[in-house]
């Protein structure tokens, strides 16, 4: 069940990232009439914050999760191979 929730979370996060990348191309940033009625409007900063903010947060969280996963994987590989840590051999 945890694995399924992680997959759904990653897919949703990737959707938010793609949406954040596409948003500046979807609206005409030089014409306030194109985004005035959007969520976060009538200001451009509000619209970009509401539409791109979740994608930025998702990218950071997915990046942190990947970094943590890589570190755990490297630590497990080091233990399996019997690699000594930085304090090995000291007395």
Protein backbone atom coordinates (compact mmCIF):
# COMPACT_ATOMS: atom_id res chain seq x y z
CA UNK A 1 0.00 0.00 0.00
CA UNK A 2 2.87 2.37 0.83
CA UNK A 3 4.48 1.70 -2.53
CA UNK A 4 1.23 2.47 -4.36
CA UNK A 5 0.86 5.76 -2.47
CA UNK A 6 4.44 6.70 -3.31
CA UNK A 7 3.83 6.01 -7.00
CA UNK A 8 0.63 8.07 -6.99
CA UNK A 9 2.41 10.87 -5.12
CA UNK A 10 5.30 10.92 -7.58
CA UNK A 11 2.95 10.91 -10.57
CA UNK A 12 0.93 13.78 -9.09
CA UNK A 13 4.14 15.67 -8.32
CA UNK A 14 5.36 15.19 -11.89
CA UNK A 15 2.00 16.48 -13.16
CA UNK A 16 2.42 19.60 -11.01
CA UNK A 17 5.96 20.11 -12.31
CA UNK A 18 4.84 19.84 -15.95
CA UNK A 19 1.96 22.21 -15.23
CA UNK A 20 4.37 24.71 -13.64
CA UNK A 21 6.66 24.59 -16.67
CA UNK A 22 3.77 24.99 -19.13
CA UNK A 23 1.89 27.79 -17.34
CA UNK A 24 4.05 30.72 -18.51
CA UNK A 25 3.56 29.54 -22.11
CA UNK A 26 -0.20 29.07 -21.73
CA UNK A 27 -0.95 32.61 -20.58
CA UNK A 28 0.03 35.81 -22.33
CA UNK A 29 2.06 37.54 -19.63
CA UNK A 30 1.90 40.86 -21.46
CA UNK A 31 -1.93 40.91 -21.52
CA UNK A 32 -3.54 40.98 -18.05
CA UNK A 33 -6.92 40.10 -19.57
CA UNK A 34 -5.69 36.54 -20.23
CA UNK A 35 -5.03 35.77 -16.56
CA UNK A 36 -7.20 38.26 -14.65
CA UNK A 37 -9.91 35.66 -13.92
CA UNK A 38 -7.50 32.80 -13.13
CA UNK A 39 -6.84 31.61 -9.60
CA UNK A 40 -4.42 33.99 -7.96
CA UNK A 41 -5.46 36.84 -10.27
CA UNK A 42 -5.69 39.64 -11.10
CA UNK A 43 -1.91 40.04 -10.60
CA UNK A 44 0.61 38.07 -12.63
CA UNK A 45 2.65 37.28 -9.51
CA UNK A 46 -0.40 35.73 -7.83
CA UNK A 47 -1.29 33.66 -10.87
CA UNK A 48 2.27 32.34 -11.23
CA UNK A 49 2.48 31.62 -7.49
CA UNK A 50 -0.76 29.64 -7.48
CA UNK A 51 -0.08 27.76 -10.71
CA UNK A 52 3.71 27.28 -10.54
CA UNK A 53 4.29 27.20 -6.77
CA UNK A 54 3.04 23.63 -6.21
CA UNK A 55 5.28 22.42 -9.05
CA UNK A 56 8.33 24.04 -7.48
CA UNK A 57 7.49 22.50 -4.10
CA UNK A 58 6.97 19.10 -5.76
CA UNK A 59 10.31 19.33 -7.55
CA UNK A 60 12.09 20.11 -4.28
CA UNK A 61 10.36 17.28 -2.39
CA UNK A 62 10.98 14.73 -5.15
CA UNK A 63 14.61 15.83 -5.34
CA UNK A 64 15.05 15.44 -1.57
CA UNK A 65 13.40 12.02 -1.68
CA UNK A 66 15.68 10.89 -4.52
CA UNK A 67 18.76 12.13 -2.68
CA UNK A 68 17.69 10.30 0.48
CA UNK A 69 16.98 7.12 -1.49
CA UNK A 70 20.40 7.28 -3.17
CA UNK A 71 22.18 7.77 0.15
CA UNK A 72 20.34 4.84 1.74
CA UNK A 73 21.15 2.69 -1.29
CA UNK A 74 24.83 3.67 -1.20
CA UNK A 75 25.04 3.01 2.54
CA UNK A 76 23.44 -0.41 2.12
CA UNK A 77 25.85 -1.25 -0.71
CA UNK A 78 28.78 -0.16 1.44
CA UNK A 79 27.66 -2.37 4.31
CA UNK A 80 27.12 -5.32 2.01
CA UNK A 81 30.63 -5.03 0.57
CA UNK A 82 32.22 -4.54 3.98
CA UNK A 83 33.61 -1.13 3.13
CA UNK A 84 35.15 0.53 6.16
CA UNK A 85 33.79 3.86 7.33
CA UNK A 86 35.79 7.07 7.77
CA UNK A 87 36.83 6.14 11.32
CA UNK A 88 38.05 2.63 10.51
CA UNK A 89 41.58 1.91 11.62
CA UNK A 90 41.70 4.76 14.14
CA UNK A 91 42.41 4.06 17.78
